[in-house]
Amino acid sequence: MSAASRASRRPNRTRDRARGRSRDRAYGRVAVPTGAVVAAALLLSACGSGGKSGGSGDTGFVTGSGGIATVERGSRAQAPELSGKTIDGKQLDVADYKGKVVVLNVWGSWCGPCRLEAKNFVKVSEDLKDRGVQFVGINTRDTSTTPALAFEKAYGVEYPSLYDPTGKLMLRFEKGTLNPQAIPSTLVLDRDGKVASRSLAALSEDNLRKMLKPILAEK
C-alpha cells in the first residue's frame, strides 16, 4: 500500500474535533429556548399553586388539615386599611364591616382555580349572610374591570370586590401573611378586624365552611 493510501485511511482527528465542537454549539443553542419554556411553564403554574409561605415574618400562623392556617386569638394582627373602588365603580372600605366576620378572597378572572372555587364562595356567602358574615373579593392582575365583571356575572357573585390590578392592597398586609404568587388566596378576619385564618390555595365548599366555623363560634 502506498504512503498516500495509508495517509488517506488514517482518522482525521482535527476534522472529528471540529465536528464535535459544531455539535456542542448546536446543543447549546437548543438548551436556551428549552430553559425558557420550562421557566414559562413554572410561571403559568403559579396560579393556584398553593404556596406554603407568605414570605418572611412571624405572623403566628399554624397550618392544619386542608392547608388552612390559623392564628390564636391573642396573637392576631390587625388587618390593614383596605379601601378603594370596587370593580363596578363604587367606593368600599372593609373597616365598615367591623363587628362581622369578613372573608377576603383574592382572585382574578384569568385564574383557573379561581373559577373552580367561585361557586363555593357564592354558596357559602348566601348561606351565612344572615349570621354576620361578609364576603369581599380583591380582584388582582386584571388589566381592566371588563373581564372581572364578566366573571362575576358568569358565576353569580353578588358580594363586592375591590379592584387591585397591581396588588397594592395585598402588599399592605403584614409580611408573611399573603404570598402574591398564590392566587387564589383567602383570609378570614374576626369580628375585631384581625386576621384569624388563611388559605393560599383554592377552597372546596367543605374547607371554606371548616375555615369559618371556629371564628363564627367566637364570642
N, C-alpha and C. Protein backbone atom coordinates (compact mmCIF):
# COMPACT_ATOMS: atom_id res chain seq x y z
N MET A 1 0.87 -1.19 0.00
CA MET A 1 0.00 0.00 0.00
C MET A 1 0.90 1.23 0.00
N SER A 2 0.58 2.22 -0.82
CA SER A 2 1.42 3.41 -0.91
C SER A 2 1.25 4.29 0.31
N ALA A 3 2.22 5.17 0.49
CA ALA A 3 2.17 6.11 1.63
C ALA A 3 0.94 7.01 1.53
N ALA A 4 0.59 7.37 0.29
CA ALA A 4 -0.58 8.25 0.10
C ALA A 4 -1.86 7.56 0.52
N SER A 5 -1.98 6.23 0.19
CA SER A 5 -3.18 5.48 0.57
C SER A 5 -3.30 5.35 2.06
N ARG A 6 -2.15 5.05 2.73
CA ARG A 6 -2.18 4.91 4.19
C ARG A 6 -2.61 6.22 4.85
N ALA A 7 -2.13 7.32 4.31
CA ALA A 7 -2.49 8.63 4.89
C ALA A 7 -3.99 8.90 4.76
N SER A 8 -4.57 8.50 3.61
CA SER A 8 -6.00 8.77 3.40
C SER A 8 -6.88 7.94 4.30
N ARG A 9 -6.39 6.80 4.82
CA ARG A 9 -7.21 5.92 5.67
C ARG A 9 -7.04 6.22 7.15
N ARG A 10 -6.07 7.09 7.49
CA ARG A 10 -5.91 7.41 8.90
C ARG A 10 -7.07 8.29 9.38
N PRO A 11 -7.47 8.17 10.67
CA PRO A 11 -8.54 9.03 11.19
C PRO A 11 -8.13 10.49 11.12
N ASN A 12 -9.00 11.33 10.71
CA ASN A 12 -8.72 12.77 10.67
C ASN A 12 -9.20 13.37 11.99
N ARG A 13 -8.25 13.38 12.97
CA ARG A 13 -8.64 13.82 14.32
C ARG A 13 -9.02 15.29 14.33
N THR A 14 -8.36 16.09 13.56
CA THR A 14 -8.69 17.52 13.51
C THR A 14 -10.11 17.73 13.01
N ARG A 15 -10.47 16.96 11.94
CA ARG A 15 -11.83 17.07 11.41
C ARG A 15 -12.87 16.61 12.41
N ASP A 16 -12.60 15.49 13.15
CA ASP A 16 -13.56 14.96 14.14
C ASP A 16 -13.76 15.95 15.27
N ARG A 17 -12.64 16.57 15.73
CA ARG A 17 -12.78 17.54 16.83
C ARG A 17 -13.64 18.72 16.39
N ALA A 18 -13.45 19.16 15.17
CA ALA A 18 -14.25 20.28 14.65
C ALA A 18 -15.73 19.93 14.60
N ARG A 19 -16.00 18.68 14.15
CA ARG A 19 -17.40 18.24 14.12
C ARG A 19 -18.00 18.20 15.52
N GLY A 20 -17.20 17.74 16.48
CA GLY A 20 -17.69 17.67 17.86
C GLY A 20 -18.02 19.05 18.41
N ARG A 21 -17.12 20.03 18.12
CA ARG A 21 -17.40 21.39 18.59
C ARG A 21 -18.66 21.95 17.95
N SER A 22 -18.86 21.61 16.68
CA SER A 22 -20.06 22.08 15.98
C SER A 22 -21.32 21.52 16.62
N ARG A 23 -21.27 20.19 16.97
CA ARG A 23 -22.44 19.58 17.63
C ARG A 23 -22.70 20.22 18.98
N ASP A 24 -21.62 20.49 19.75
CA ASP A 24 -21.78 21.10 21.07
C ASP A 24 -22.43 22.47 20.96
N ARG A 25 -21.98 23.25 19.96
CA ARG A 25 -22.58 24.57 19.81
C ARG A 25 -24.06 24.46 19.44
N ALA A 26 -24.40 23.49 18.62
CA ALA A 26 -25.81 23.29 18.24
C ALA A 26 -26.65 22.93 19.45
N TYR A 27 -26.13 21.99 20.30
CA TYR A 27 -26.89 21.62 21.50
C TYR A 27 -27.05 22.80 22.44
N GLY A 28 -25.99 23.62 22.54
CA GLY A 28 -26.08 24.80 23.40
C GLY A 28 -27.15 25.75 22.94
N ARG A 29 -27.30 25.91 21.63
CA ARG A 29 -28.34 26.79 21.12
C ARG A 29 -29.73 26.25 21.43
N VAL A 30 -29.89 24.94 21.43
CA VAL A 30 -31.20 24.33 21.72
C VAL A 30 -31.55 24.49 23.19
N ALA A 31 -30.54 24.45 24.08
CA ALA A 31 -30.79 24.47 25.52
C ALA A 31 -31.42 25.77 25.96
N VAL A 32 -31.13 26.88 25.30
CA VAL A 32 -31.65 28.17 25.74
C VAL A 32 -33.16 28.25 25.62
N PRO A 33 -33.75 27.96 24.43
CA PRO A 33 -35.22 28.01 24.37
C PRO A 33 -35.89 26.96 25.21
N THR A 34 -35.25 25.78 25.39
CA THR A 34 -35.85 24.75 26.25
C THR A 34 -35.98 25.28 27.67
N GLY A 35 -34.92 25.94 28.17
CA GLY A 35 -34.98 26.52 29.52
C GLY A 35 -36.04 27.58 29.62
N ALA A 36 -36.19 28.38 28.56
CA ALA A 36 -37.21 29.42 28.57
C ALA A 36 -38.60 28.83 28.65
N VAL A 37 -38.83 27.71 27.95
CA VAL A 37 -40.14 27.04 28.00
C VAL A 37 -40.44 26.55 29.41
N VAL A 38 -39.44 25.96 30.06
CA VAL A 38 -39.62 25.46 31.43
C VAL A 38 -39.95 26.61 32.37
N ALA A 39 -39.22 27.73 32.24
CA ALA A 39 -39.48 28.88 33.10
C ALA A 39 -40.88 29.42 32.90
N ALA A 40 -41.31 29.47 31.64
CA ALA A 40 -42.66 29.95 31.35
C ALA A 40 -43.72 29.04 31.96
N ALA A 41 -43.48 27.73 31.90
CA ALA A 41 -44.43 26.77 32.47
C ALA A 41 -44.55 26.95 33.98
N LEU A 42 -43.42 27.20 34.63
CA LEU A 42 -43.44 27.41 36.08
C LEU A 42 -44.19 28.69 36.42
N LEU A 43 -43.99 29.73 35.60
CA LEU A 43 -44.69 30.98 35.85
C LEU A 43 -46.19 30.80 35.72
N LEU A 44 -46.62 30.09 34.70
CA LEU A 44 -48.04 29.87 34.49
C LEU A 44 -48.66 29.04 35.60
N SER A 45 -47.86 28.14 36.20
CA SER A 45 -48.40 27.28 37.25
C SER A 45 -48.53 27.99 38.57
N ALA A 46 -48.09 29.27 38.66
CA ALA A 46 -48.17 30.00 39.92
C ALA A 46 -49.61 30.17 40.37
N CYS A 47 -50.54 30.36 39.41
CA CYS A 47 -51.94 30.50 39.74
C CYS A 47 -52.45 29.21 40.36
N GLY A 48 -52.91 29.32 41.61
CA GLY A 48 -53.43 28.15 42.30
C GLY A 48 -52.39 27.17 42.73
N SER A 49 -51.12 27.60 42.82
CA SER A 49 -50.08 26.66 43.20
C SER A 49 -50.11 26.33 44.68
N GLY A 50 -50.85 27.16 45.45
CA GLY A 50 -50.96 26.86 46.87
C GLY A 50 -49.66 26.99 47.60
N GLY A 51 -49.02 28.16 47.47
CA GLY A 51 -47.75 28.38 48.15
C GLY A 51 -47.86 28.16 49.63
N LYS A 52 -46.82 27.65 50.25
CA LYS A 52 -46.86 27.34 51.67
C LYS A 52 -46.41 28.50 52.54
N SER A 53 -45.82 29.52 51.92
CA SER A 53 -45.28 30.62 52.70
C SER A 53 -45.71 31.94 52.12
N GLY A 54 -45.93 32.90 52.98
CA GLY A 54 -46.24 34.24 52.52
C GLY A 54 -45.04 35.14 52.62
N GLY A 55 -43.86 34.59 52.74
CA GLY A 55 -42.65 35.38 52.91
C GLY A 55 -42.22 35.39 54.35
N SER A 56 -41.07 35.99 54.62
CA SER A 56 -40.55 36.01 55.99
C SER A 56 -41.42 36.88 56.86
N GLY A 57 -41.43 36.61 58.14
CA GLY A 57 -42.25 37.36 59.08
C GLY A 57 -42.95 36.42 60.03
N ASP A 58 -42.96 36.78 61.31
CA ASP A 58 -43.58 35.93 62.32
C ASP A 58 -45.02 36.36 62.50
N THR A 59 -45.92 35.71 61.77
CA THR A 59 -47.33 36.08 61.81
C THR A 59 -48.18 35.14 62.67
N GLY A 60 -47.57 34.12 63.23
CA GLY A 60 -48.27 33.23 64.15
C GLY A 60 -49.16 32.19 63.52
N PHE A 61 -49.08 32.00 62.20
CA PHE A 61 -49.93 31.01 61.54
C PHE A 61 -49.47 29.59 61.86
N VAL A 62 -50.44 28.73 62.14
CA VAL A 62 -50.19 27.30 62.32
C VAL A 62 -51.06 26.57 61.29
N THR A 63 -50.42 25.83 60.39
CA THR A 63 -51.15 25.17 59.31
C THR A 63 -51.70 23.83 59.76
N GLY A 64 -52.99 23.63 59.52
CA GLY A 64 -53.64 22.37 59.86
C GLY A 64 -54.04 21.61 58.62
N SER A 65 -55.06 20.78 58.74
CA SER A 65 -55.51 19.96 57.62
C SER A 65 -56.13 20.83 56.54
N GLY A 66 -56.04 20.38 55.30
CA GLY A 66 -56.60 21.11 54.18
C GLY A 66 -55.84 22.36 53.82
N GLY A 67 -54.64 22.53 54.40
CA GLY A 67 -53.84 23.70 54.10
C GLY A 67 -54.35 24.98 54.74
N ILE A 68 -55.28 24.87 55.68
CA ILE A 68 -55.84 26.04 56.36
C ILE A 68 -54.95 26.39 57.55
N ALA A 69 -54.48 27.63 57.58
CA ALA A 69 -53.63 28.10 58.67
C ALA A 69 -54.43 29.04 59.57
N THR A 70 -54.23 28.90 60.87
CA THR A 70 -54.97 29.70 61.84
C THR A 70 -54.01 30.41 62.80
N VAL A 71 -54.52 31.46 63.43
CA VAL A 71 -53.75 32.21 64.42
C VAL A 71 -54.55 32.24 65.72
N GLU A 72 -53.89 31.98 66.84
CA GLU A 72 -54.57 32.04 68.13
C GLU A 72 -55.12 33.45 68.35
N ARG A 73 -56.22 33.51 69.04
CA ARG A 73 -56.95 34.77 69.17
C ARG A 73 -56.08 35.89 69.75
N GLY A 74 -55.26 35.57 70.72
CA GLY A 74 -54.43 36.60 71.36
C GLY A 74 -53.23 37.02 70.55
N SER A 75 -52.96 36.35 69.44
CA SER A 75 -51.76 36.64 68.64
C SER A 75 -52.10 37.21 67.26
N ARG A 76 -53.34 37.54 67.03
CA ARG A 76 -53.75 38.00 65.70
C ARG A 76 -53.35 39.45 65.43
N ALA A 77 -52.99 39.69 64.17
CA ALA A 77 -52.62 41.04 63.74
C ALA A 77 -53.82 41.74 63.12
N GLN A 78 -53.89 43.04 63.32
CA GLN A 78 -54.97 43.82 62.72
C GLN A 78 -54.79 43.86 61.21
N ALA A 79 -55.88 43.70 60.49
CA ALA A 79 -55.82 43.81 59.04
C ALA A 79 -55.52 45.26 58.65
N PRO A 80 -54.82 45.47 57.56
CA PRO A 80 -54.51 46.84 57.14
C PRO A 80 -55.74 47.55 56.61
N GLU A 81 -55.59 48.83 56.33
CA GLU A 81 -56.65 49.61 55.73
C GLU A 81 -56.87 49.11 54.30
N LEU A 82 -58.10 48.69 54.02
CA LEU A 82 -58.45 48.14 52.71
C LEU A 82 -59.66 48.90 52.18
N SER A 83 -59.39 49.84 51.33
CA SER A 83 -60.48 50.64 50.79
C SER A 83 -60.14 51.06 49.36
N GLY A 84 -61.17 51.48 48.65
CA GLY A 84 -60.96 51.91 47.27
C GLY A 84 -62.19 51.62 46.44
N LYS A 85 -62.00 51.65 45.12
CA LYS A 85 -63.12 51.40 44.21
C LYS A 85 -63.30 49.91 43.98
N THR A 86 -64.55 49.52 43.87
CA THR A 86 -64.86 48.14 43.51
C THR A 86 -64.83 48.01 41.99
N ILE A 87 -64.94 46.79 41.50
CA ILE A 87 -64.87 46.59 40.05
C ILE A 87 -66.08 47.19 39.33
N ASP A 88 -67.15 47.50 40.08
CA ASP A 88 -68.30 48.17 39.45
C ASP A 88 -68.32 49.67 39.76
N GLY A 89 -67.18 50.20 40.22
CA GLY A 89 -67.02 51.65 40.36
C GLY A 89 -67.52 52.27 41.65
N LYS A 90 -67.91 51.48 42.62
CA LYS A 90 -68.39 52.01 43.89
C LYS A 90 -67.23 52.10 44.89
N GLN A 91 -67.43 52.89 45.94
CA GLN A 91 -66.43 53.01 47.00
C GLN A 91 -66.71 51.97 48.08
N LEU A 92 -65.66 51.36 48.61
CA LEU A 92 -65.82 50.35 49.66
C LEU A 92 -64.67 50.47 50.65
N ASP A 93 -65.00 50.37 51.93
CA ASP A 93 -64.00 50.34 52.99
C ASP A 93 -64.31 49.13 53.87
N VAL A 94 -63.38 48.17 53.91
CA VAL A 94 -63.60 46.94 54.67
C VAL A 94 -63.80 47.23 56.15
N ALA A 95 -63.24 48.33 56.65
CA ALA A 95 -63.39 48.70 58.06
C ALA A 95 -64.85 48.91 58.44
N ASP A 96 -65.69 49.22 57.46
CA ASP A 96 -67.12 49.42 57.74
C ASP A 96 -67.80 48.12 58.15
N TYR A 97 -67.16 46.99 57.91
CA TYR A 97 -67.74 45.70 58.28
C TYR A 97 -67.27 45.21 59.64
N LYS A 98 -66.56 46.04 60.38
CA LYS A 98 -66.11 45.63 61.72
C LYS A 98 -67.31 45.24 62.57
N GLY A 99 -67.19 44.13 63.29
CA GLY A 99 -68.31 43.55 64.03
C GLY A 99 -68.86 42.34 63.33
N LYS A 100 -68.47 42.18 62.05
CA LYS A 100 -68.82 40.98 61.28
C LYS A 100 -67.57 40.14 61.04
N VAL A 101 -67.77 38.88 60.73
CA VAL A 101 -66.69 38.03 60.23
C VAL A 101 -66.56 38.32 58.75
N VAL A 102 -65.36 38.67 58.31
CA VAL A 102 -65.15 39.07 56.91
C VAL A 102 -64.27 38.04 56.21
N VAL A 103 -64.73 37.58 55.07
CA VAL A 103 -63.96 36.66 54.22
C VAL A 103 -63.39 37.46 53.06
N LEU A 104 -62.07 37.54 52.98
CA LEU A 104 -61.39 38.24 51.90
C LEU A 104 -60.84 37.21 50.92
N ASN A 105 -61.31 37.26 49.69
CA ASN A 105 -60.86 36.31 48.67
C ASN A 105 -60.13 37.05 47.55
N VAL A 106 -58.84 36.74 47.38
CA VAL A 106 -58.03 37.34 46.32
C VAL A 106 -58.19 36.49 45.06
N TRP A 107 -58.60 37.11 43.96
CA TRP A 107 -58.91 36.33 42.76
C TRP A 107 -58.62 37.15 41.49
N GLY A 108 -58.63 36.45 40.36
CA GLY A 108 -58.51 37.09 39.07
C GLY A 108 -59.32 36.32 38.05
N SER A 109 -59.88 37.02 37.08
CA SER A 109 -60.70 36.35 36.08
C SER A 109 -59.86 35.41 35.21
N TRP A 110 -58.55 35.63 35.15
CA TRP A 110 -57.62 34.84 34.33
C TRP A 110 -57.21 33.53 35.01
N CYS A 111 -57.61 33.34 36.26
CA CYS A 111 -57.11 32.26 37.10
C CYS A 111 -58.07 31.07 37.11
N GLY A 112 -57.60 29.92 36.60
CA GLY A 112 -58.42 28.71 36.55
C GLY A 112 -58.94 28.26 37.90
N PRO A 113 -58.09 28.11 38.92
CA PRO A 113 -58.57 27.70 40.24
C PRO A 113 -59.59 28.67 40.84
N CYS A 114 -59.49 29.97 40.49
CA CYS A 114 -60.49 30.93 40.96
C CYS A 114 -61.87 30.60 40.41
N ARG A 115 -61.90 30.18 39.16
CA ARG A 115 -63.18 29.79 38.55
C ARG A 115 -63.73 28.53 39.21
N LEU A 116 -62.84 27.62 39.59
CA LEU A 116 -63.29 26.38 40.22
C LEU A 116 -63.90 26.62 41.60
N GLU A 117 -63.35 27.57 42.35
CA GLU A 117 -63.84 27.79 43.70
C GLU A 117 -64.98 28.81 43.78
N ALA A 118 -65.25 29.52 42.69
CA ALA A 118 -66.23 30.61 42.73
C ALA A 118 -67.60 30.15 43.22
N LYS A 119 -68.05 29.02 42.71
CA LYS A 119 -69.38 28.53 43.11
C LYS A 119 -69.46 28.23 44.60
N ASN A 120 -68.33 27.81 45.18
CA ASN A 120 -68.29 27.51 46.61
C ASN A 120 -68.44 28.78 47.44
N PHE A 121 -67.80 29.84 47.01
CA PHE A 121 -67.90 31.12 47.72
C PHE A 121 -69.30 31.71 47.60
N VAL A 122 -69.89 31.58 46.43
CA VAL A 122 -71.26 32.08 46.24
C VAL A 122 -72.22 31.34 47.15
N LYS A 123 -72.10 30.02 47.21
CA LYS A 123 -73.00 29.20 48.03
C LYS A 123 -72.86 29.53 49.51
N VAL A 124 -71.64 29.57 50.01
CA VAL A 124 -71.42 29.80 51.45
C VAL A 124 -71.78 31.24 51.82
N SER A 125 -71.49 32.19 50.94
CA SER A 125 -71.84 33.58 51.26
C SER A 125 -73.36 33.75 51.38
N GLU A 126 -74.11 33.06 50.54
CA GLU A 126 -75.57 33.12 50.63
C GLU A 126 -76.06 32.46 51.91
N ASP A 127 -75.47 31.33 52.25
CA ASP A 127 -75.90 30.60 53.44
C ASP A 127 -75.63 31.36 54.74
N LEU A 128 -74.54 32.15 54.77
CA LEU A 128 -74.09 32.75 56.04
C LEU A 128 -74.32 34.25 56.13
N LYS A 129 -74.93 34.85 55.13
CA LYS A 129 -75.08 36.31 55.17
C LYS A 129 -75.96 36.78 56.33
N ASP A 130 -76.86 35.93 56.81
CA ASP A 130 -77.72 36.30 57.94
C ASP A 130 -77.08 35.96 59.29
N ARG A 131 -75.85 35.44 59.26
CA ARG A 131 -75.13 35.12 60.50
C ARG A 131 -73.96 36.07 60.74
N GLY A 132 -74.00 37.22 60.09
CA GLY A 132 -72.95 38.21 60.32
C GLY A 132 -71.66 37.92 59.60
N VAL A 133 -71.75 37.31 58.43
CA VAL A 133 -70.55 37.02 57.63
C VAL A 133 -70.63 37.85 56.34
N GLN A 134 -69.56 38.60 56.07
CA GLN A 134 -69.50 39.42 54.86
C GLN A 134 -68.33 38.97 53.98
N PHE A 135 -68.63 38.65 52.74
CA PHE A 135 -67.60 38.28 51.78
C PHE A 135 -67.18 39.52 50.98
N VAL A 136 -65.87 39.65 50.76
CA VAL A 136 -65.32 40.74 49.95
C VAL A 136 -64.22 40.16 49.08
N GLY A 137 -64.29 40.42 47.78
CA GLY A 137 -63.24 39.98 46.88
C GLY A 137 -62.17 41.06 46.72
N ILE A 138 -60.97 40.63 46.37
CA ILE A 138 -59.91 41.55 45.95
C ILE A 138 -59.47 41.06 44.57
N ASN A 139 -59.90 41.76 43.55
CA ASN A 139 -59.59 41.36 42.17
C ASN A 139 -58.22 41.90 41.78
N THR A 140 -57.33 41.02 41.33
CA THR A 140 -55.97 41.43 41.02
C THR A 140 -55.51 40.93 39.66
N ARG A 141 -54.58 41.68 39.05
CA ARG A 141 -53.92 41.35 37.78
C ARG A 141 -54.84 41.39 36.56
N ASP A 142 -56.07 41.82 36.73
CA ASP A 142 -56.92 42.07 35.58
C ASP A 142 -56.64 43.50 35.11
N THR A 143 -56.26 43.68 33.85
CA THR A 143 -55.86 44.99 33.36
C THR A 143 -57.02 45.94 33.15
N SER A 144 -58.24 45.42 33.17
CA SER A 144 -59.44 46.26 33.17
C SER A 144 -60.51 45.54 33.96
N THR A 145 -61.57 46.25 34.27
CA THR A 145 -62.65 45.64 35.05
C THR A 145 -63.60 44.81 34.18
N THR A 146 -63.48 44.92 32.87
CA THR A 146 -64.42 44.22 31.98
C THR A 146 -64.42 42.70 32.19
N PRO A 147 -63.25 42.01 32.17
CA PRO A 147 -63.27 40.56 32.40
C PRO A 147 -63.68 40.21 33.82
N ALA A 148 -63.37 41.07 34.79
CA ALA A 148 -63.76 40.81 36.18
C ALA A 148 -65.28 40.85 36.33
N LEU A 149 -65.91 41.84 35.71
CA LEU A 149 -67.37 41.94 35.75
C LEU A 149 -68.02 40.76 35.04
N ALA A 150 -67.43 40.32 33.93
CA ALA A 150 -67.95 39.15 33.22
C ALA A 150 -67.84 37.90 34.08
N PHE A 151 -66.74 37.78 34.83
CA PHE A 151 -66.54 36.65 35.75
C PHE A 151 -67.66 36.63 36.79
N GLU A 152 -67.92 37.78 37.43
CA GLU A 152 -68.95 37.84 38.46
C GLU A 152 -70.33 37.49 37.90
N LYS A 153 -70.62 37.97 36.70
CA LYS A 153 -71.91 37.66 36.08
C LYS A 153 -72.02 36.17 35.79
N ALA A 154 -70.95 35.57 35.28
CA ALA A 154 -70.97 34.15 34.91
C ALA A 154 -71.18 33.25 36.12
N TYR A 155 -70.62 33.63 37.27
CA TYR A 155 -70.69 32.75 38.44
C TYR A 155 -71.68 33.24 39.50
N GLY A 156 -72.41 34.31 39.21
CA GLY A 156 -73.43 34.77 40.13
C GLY A 156 -72.89 35.39 41.41
N VAL A 157 -71.72 36.03 41.33
CA VAL A 157 -71.10 36.65 42.51
C VAL A 157 -71.79 37.99 42.77
N GLU A 158 -72.38 38.13 43.95
CA GLU A 158 -73.10 39.35 44.27
C GLU A 158 -72.41 40.18 45.34
N TYR A 159 -71.44 39.61 46.07
CA TYR A 159 -70.71 40.41 47.06
C TYR A 159 -69.67 41.28 46.34
N PRO A 160 -69.26 42.39 46.96
CA PRO A 160 -68.37 43.33 46.27
C PRO A 160 -66.93 42.84 46.18
N SER A 161 -66.21 43.38 45.19
CA SER A 161 -64.78 43.10 45.04
C SER A 161 -64.03 44.40 44.81
N LEU A 162 -63.02 44.66 45.62
CA LEU A 162 -62.13 45.79 45.39
C LEU A 162 -61.29 45.52 44.15
N TYR A 163 -61.03 46.55 43.37
CA TYR A 163 -60.22 46.42 42.16
C TYR A 163 -58.77 46.76 42.51
N ASP A 164 -57.89 45.76 42.41
CA ASP A 164 -56.49 45.91 42.83
C ASP A 164 -55.57 45.31 41.75
N PRO A 165 -55.53 45.93 40.56
CA PRO A 165 -54.82 45.30 39.43
C PRO A 165 -53.34 45.07 39.66
N THR A 166 -52.68 45.92 40.44
CA THR A 166 -51.23 45.79 40.64
C THR A 166 -50.86 45.15 41.99
N GLY A 167 -51.85 44.74 42.76
CA GLY A 167 -51.56 44.05 44.03
C GLY A 167 -51.15 44.95 45.17
N LYS A 168 -51.46 46.24 45.09
CA LYS A 168 -51.07 47.16 46.17
C LYS A 168 -51.74 46.83 47.49
N LEU A 169 -53.01 46.42 47.44
CA LEU A 169 -53.71 46.09 48.68
C LEU A 169 -53.10 44.87 49.35
N MET A 170 -52.68 43.90 48.56
CA MET A 170 -52.06 42.70 49.12
C MET A 170 -50.78 43.04 49.86
N LEU A 171 -50.03 44.01 49.34
CA LEU A 171 -48.76 44.37 49.95
C LEU A 171 -48.92 45.14 51.26
N ARG A 172 -50.13 45.55 51.57
CA ARG A 172 -50.36 46.25 52.83
C ARG A 172 -50.39 45.30 54.03
N PHE A 173 -50.61 44.03 53.77
CA PHE A 173 -50.67 43.08 54.87
C PHE A 173 -49.28 42.87 55.48
N GLU A 174 -49.28 42.53 56.76
CA GLU A 174 -48.02 42.26 57.45
C GLU A 174 -47.23 41.19 56.70
N LYS A 175 -45.94 41.37 56.63
CA LYS A 175 -45.07 40.45 55.91
C LYS A 175 -45.27 39.03 56.41
N GLY A 176 -45.44 38.11 55.48
CA GLY A 176 -45.67 36.72 55.84
C GLY A 176 -47.13 36.32 55.86
N THR A 177 -48.03 37.29 55.66
CA THR A 177 -49.47 36.98 55.69
C THR A 177 -49.96 36.43 54.37
N LEU A 178 -49.59 37.08 53.27
CA LEU A 178 -50.02 36.65 51.95
C LEU A 178 -48.81 36.41 51.05
N ASN A 179 -48.97 35.51 50.10
CA ASN A 179 -47.97 35.27 49.07
C ASN A 179 -48.53 35.79 47.75
N PRO A 180 -47.96 36.88 47.20
CA PRO A 180 -48.52 37.46 45.98
C PRO A 180 -48.58 36.48 44.81
N GLN A 181 -47.78 35.41 44.84
CA GLN A 181 -47.79 34.43 43.76
C GLN A 181 -48.89 33.37 43.92
N ALA A 182 -49.51 33.34 45.08
CA ALA A 182 -50.53 32.31 45.35
C ALA A 182 -51.92 32.91 45.14
N ILE A 183 -52.44 32.72 43.95
CA ILE A 183 -53.78 33.19 43.60
C ILE A 183 -54.59 31.96 43.16
N PRO A 184 -55.73 31.68 43.76
CA PRO A 184 -56.43 32.47 44.77
C PRO A 184 -55.86 32.29 46.17
N SER A 185 -56.13 33.28 47.01
CA SER A 185 -55.84 33.20 48.44
C SER A 185 -57.07 33.71 49.19
N THR A 186 -57.23 33.22 50.42
CA THR A 186 -58.38 33.64 51.23
C THR A 186 -57.94 33.91 52.65
N LEU A 187 -58.39 35.03 53.19
CA LEU A 187 -58.18 35.38 54.60
C LEU A 187 -59.54 35.54 55.26
N VAL A 188 -59.60 35.16 56.54
CA VAL A 188 -60.81 35.41 57.33
C VAL A 188 -60.44 36.36 58.46
N LEU A 189 -61.18 37.47 58.54
CA LEU A 189 -60.99 38.44 59.63
C LEU A 189 -62.04 38.20 60.70
N ASP A 190 -61.62 38.23 61.94
CA ASP A 190 -62.59 38.05 63.03
C ASP A 190 -63.41 39.32 63.22
N ARG A 191 -64.29 39.33 64.20
CA ARG A 191 -65.20 40.46 64.38
C ARG A 191 -64.49 41.73 64.82
N ASP A 192 -63.24 41.61 65.26
CA ASP A 192 -62.43 42.79 65.61
C ASP A 192 -61.57 43.28 64.45
N GLY A 193 -61.73 42.66 63.29
CA GLY A 193 -60.96 43.09 62.13
C GLY A 193 -59.54 42.55 62.09
N LYS A 194 -59.29 41.46 62.81
CA LYS A 194 -57.95 40.87 62.86
C LYS A 194 -57.90 39.60 62.02
N VAL A 195 -56.72 39.31 61.46
CA VAL A 195 -56.55 38.15 60.60
C VAL A 195 -56.54 36.88 61.44
N ALA A 196 -57.54 36.04 61.23
CA ALA A 196 -57.70 34.83 62.06
C ALA A 196 -57.28 33.56 61.35
N SER A 197 -57.44 33.50 60.02
CA SER A 197 -57.06 32.29 59.29
C SER A 197 -56.82 32.62 57.83
N ARG A 198 -56.17 31.68 57.13
CA ARG A 198 -55.89 31.90 55.72
C ARG A 198 -55.77 30.57 54.99
N SER A 199 -55.93 30.66 53.68
CA SER A 199 -55.62 29.56 52.77
C SER A 199 -54.93 30.16 51.56
N LEU A 200 -53.83 29.54 51.13
CA LEU A 200 -53.10 30.02 49.96
C LEU A 200 -53.36 29.13 48.75
N ALA A 201 -54.55 28.57 48.69
CA ALA A 201 -54.94 27.71 47.57
C ALA A 201 -56.45 27.78 47.41
N ALA A 202 -56.95 27.25 46.31
CA ALA A 202 -58.39 27.22 46.09
C ALA A 202 -59.07 26.38 47.18
N LEU A 203 -60.29 26.78 47.55
CA LEU A 203 -61.00 26.12 48.64
C LEU A 203 -62.24 25.38 48.14
N SER A 204 -62.42 24.18 48.63
CA SER A 204 -63.69 23.47 48.43
C SER A 204 -64.74 24.08 49.34
N GLU A 205 -66.00 23.76 49.11
CA GLU A 205 -67.05 24.28 49.99
C GLU A 205 -66.84 23.78 51.42
N ASP A 206 -66.49 22.51 51.58
CA ASP A 206 -66.28 21.96 52.92
C ASP A 206 -65.14 22.66 53.65
N ASN A 207 -64.04 22.91 52.95
CA ASN A 207 -62.91 23.56 53.61
C ASN A 207 -63.19 25.02 53.93
N LEU A 208 -63.98 25.68 53.09
CA LEU A 208 -64.36 27.05 53.39
C LEU A 208 -65.23 27.11 54.64
N ARG A 209 -66.17 26.19 54.75
CA ARG A 209 -67.00 26.15 55.96
C ARG A 209 -66.16 25.79 57.19
N LYS A 210 -65.23 24.87 57.01
CA LYS A 210 -64.33 24.48 58.11
C LYS A 210 -63.50 25.67 58.57
N MET A 211 -63.08 26.49 57.63
CA MET A 211 -62.27 27.67 57.94
C MET A 211 -63.06 28.69 58.77
N LEU A 212 -64.35 28.80 58.46
CA LEU A 212 -65.19 29.80 59.13
C LEU A 212 -65.76 29.34 60.48
N LYS A 213 -65.96 28.06 60.63
CA LYS A 213 -66.68 27.55 61.79
C LYS A 213 -66.12 28.00 63.15
N PRO A 214 -64.81 27.86 63.42
CA PRO A 214 -64.31 28.26 64.74
C PRO A 214 -64.38 29.75 64.97
N ILE A 215 -64.29 30.55 63.92
CA ILE A 215 -64.34 32.01 64.08
C ILE A 215 -65.76 32.45 64.33
N LEU A 216 -66.72 31.81 63.68
CA LEU A 216 -68.12 32.10 63.95
C LEU A 216 -68.51 31.75 65.38
N ALA A 217 -67.86 30.74 65.93
CA ALA A 217 -68.19 30.30 67.30
C ALA A 217 -67.63 31.22 68.38
N GLU A 218 -66.72 32.12 68.00
CA GLU A 218 -66.13 33.02 68.99
C GLU A 218 -67.13 34.06 69.45
N LYS A 219 -67.08 34.39 70.72
CA LYS A 219 -67.99 35.40 71.30
C LYS A 219 -67.24 36.68 71.62
